Structure formats: structure tokens, C-alpha cells
């Protein structure tokens, strides 16, 4: 299967660690600066993504069973959201 990527847009003001999993297996990870965009390499069609504060490791958001090729982390009404 050819490797592609998932585009991640960090629209919040903290550094984010983005991780892609297949079940319990870590497939891809990267640190994304505030306001930056990064490609997470993967060949998966469906995956789980976890987003953590890059400094503390605290979980900020997650999206399970996703098939998206592009994700954006943003803040709405004080809550972190993935769209």
C-alpha cells in the first residue's frame, strides 16, 4: 500500500504532539508549532488520532475511526475541537 499523509493544521497557541494509531500501534507522530501545518505520514485508510500538549503531554483532543485526510485543531467557546 502506498504511503500518503494526513495534513494537520494547528490553529491554537500551543505546540501540539499529534499521534496516529492503528489500534494500540503507533503509526506516526510529530510536534506541530502554533499556527503551523504538518503532514503525518501513513498508509492507513482509517485511524485514531490523539493530540497532546507538546510541553506537558496532557491530552487535548482525539478523533477515533477517522478517514479524514486533513484535520484542524481549533478552539471554540474555550473547548478544543477537531474538524
Protein backbone atom coordinates (compact mmCIF):
# COMPACT_ATOMS: atom_id res chain seq x y z
CA UNK A 1 0.00 0.00 0.00
CA UNK A 2 1.41 3.40 -0.95
CA UNK A 3 2.21 5.76 1.87
CA UNK A 4 0.26 9.02 1.92
CA UNK A 5 -0.21 11.60 4.60
CA UNK A 6 -2.69 13.32 6.84
CA UNK A 7 -2.42 17.10 6.88
CA UNK A 8 -2.69 18.54 10.40
CA UNK A 9 -3.33 22.27 10.95
CA UNK A 10 -2.59 23.62 14.44
CA UNK A 11 -4.76 26.73 14.88
CA UNK A 12 -4.20 27.11 18.64
CA UNK A 13 -1.46 28.94 20.54
CA UNK A 14 0.44 25.92 21.96
CA UNK A 15 2.76 23.31 20.47
CA UNK A 16 0.89 20.05 19.79
CA UNK A 17 2.09 16.47 19.61
CA UNK A 18 -0.04 14.67 17.01
CA UNK A 19 -0.09 10.86 17.02
CA UNK A 20 -1.76 8.41 14.62
CA UNK A 21 -2.61 4.94 15.89
CA UNK A 22 -3.95 1.73 14.39
CA UNK A 23 -5.45 0.06 17.44
CA UNK A 24 -2.64 0.19 20.01
CA UNK A 25 0.17 0.53 17.44
CA UNK A 26 1.72 3.98 17.00
CA UNK A 27 1.99 4.67 13.26
CA UNK A 28 3.14 8.29 13.08
CA UNK A 29 3.91 11.19 15.41
CA UNK A 30 5.11 14.79 15.13
CA UNK A 31 5.30 18.10 17.00
CA UNK A 32 3.44 20.98 15.38
CA UNK A 33 4.17 24.59 16.32
CA UNK A 34 1.31 27.05 16.92
CA UNK A 35 -0.18 28.17 13.60
CA UNK A 36 1.79 25.59 11.63
CA UNK A 37 0.77 22.77 9.30
CA UNK A 38 2.46 19.35 9.21
CA UNK A 39 1.98 16.11 7.27
CA UNK A 40 1.81 12.89 9.30
CA UNK A 41 2.86 10.02 7.03
CA UNK A 42 0.61 6.96 6.97
CA UNK A 43 -0.74 4.32 4.62
CA UNK A 44 -3.89 3.79 6.69
CA UNK A 45 -7.37 4.40 5.33
CA UNK A 46 -8.85 4.55 8.85
CA UNK A 47 -7.03 5.57 12.02
CA UNK A 48 -7.26 7.08 15.52
CA UNK A 49 -5.57 10.43 16.16
CA UNK A 50 -4.59 11.81 19.56
CA UNK A 51 -3.50 15.41 20.11
CA UNK A 52 -1.49 16.32 23.21
CA UNK A 53 0.03 19.47 24.65
CA UNK A 54 3.63 19.28 23.37
CA UNK A 55 5.07 20.59 26.67
CA UNK A 56 3.02 18.72 29.28
CA UNK A 57 1.79 15.63 27.43
CA UNK A 58 -1.81 16.29 28.54
CA UNK A 59 -4.43 15.08 26.06
CA UNK A 60 -6.24 17.91 24.31
CA UNK A 61 -8.44 16.13 21.79
CA UNK A 62 -8.84 12.87 19.93
CA UNK A 63 -10.70 11.58 16.91
CA UNK A 64 -11.40 7.87 16.61
CA UNK A 65 -12.08 5.83 13.46
CA UNK A 66 -11.28 8.79 11.22
CA UNK A 67 -10.93 8.64 7.45
CA UNK A 68 -10.04 12.33 7.08
CA UNK A 69 -7.01 13.36 5.05
CA UNK A 70 -6.92 16.81 6.68
CA UNK A 71 -7.54 17.79 10.32
CA UNK A 72 -7.62 21.18 12.03
CA UNK A 73 -7.31 21.75 15.79
CA UNK A 74 -9.08 24.93 16.87
CA UNK A 75 -10.69 26.49 19.97
CA UNK A 76 -14.41 27.29 20.12
CA UNK A 77 -16.01 28.62 23.32
CA UNK A 78 -12.94 27.58 25.33
CA UNK A 79 -13.02 23.97 24.09
CA UNK A 80 -10.57 22.32 21.75
CA UNK A 81 -12.18 20.87 18.64
CA UNK A 82 -11.00 18.84 15.67
CA UNK A 83 -12.65 19.49 12.33
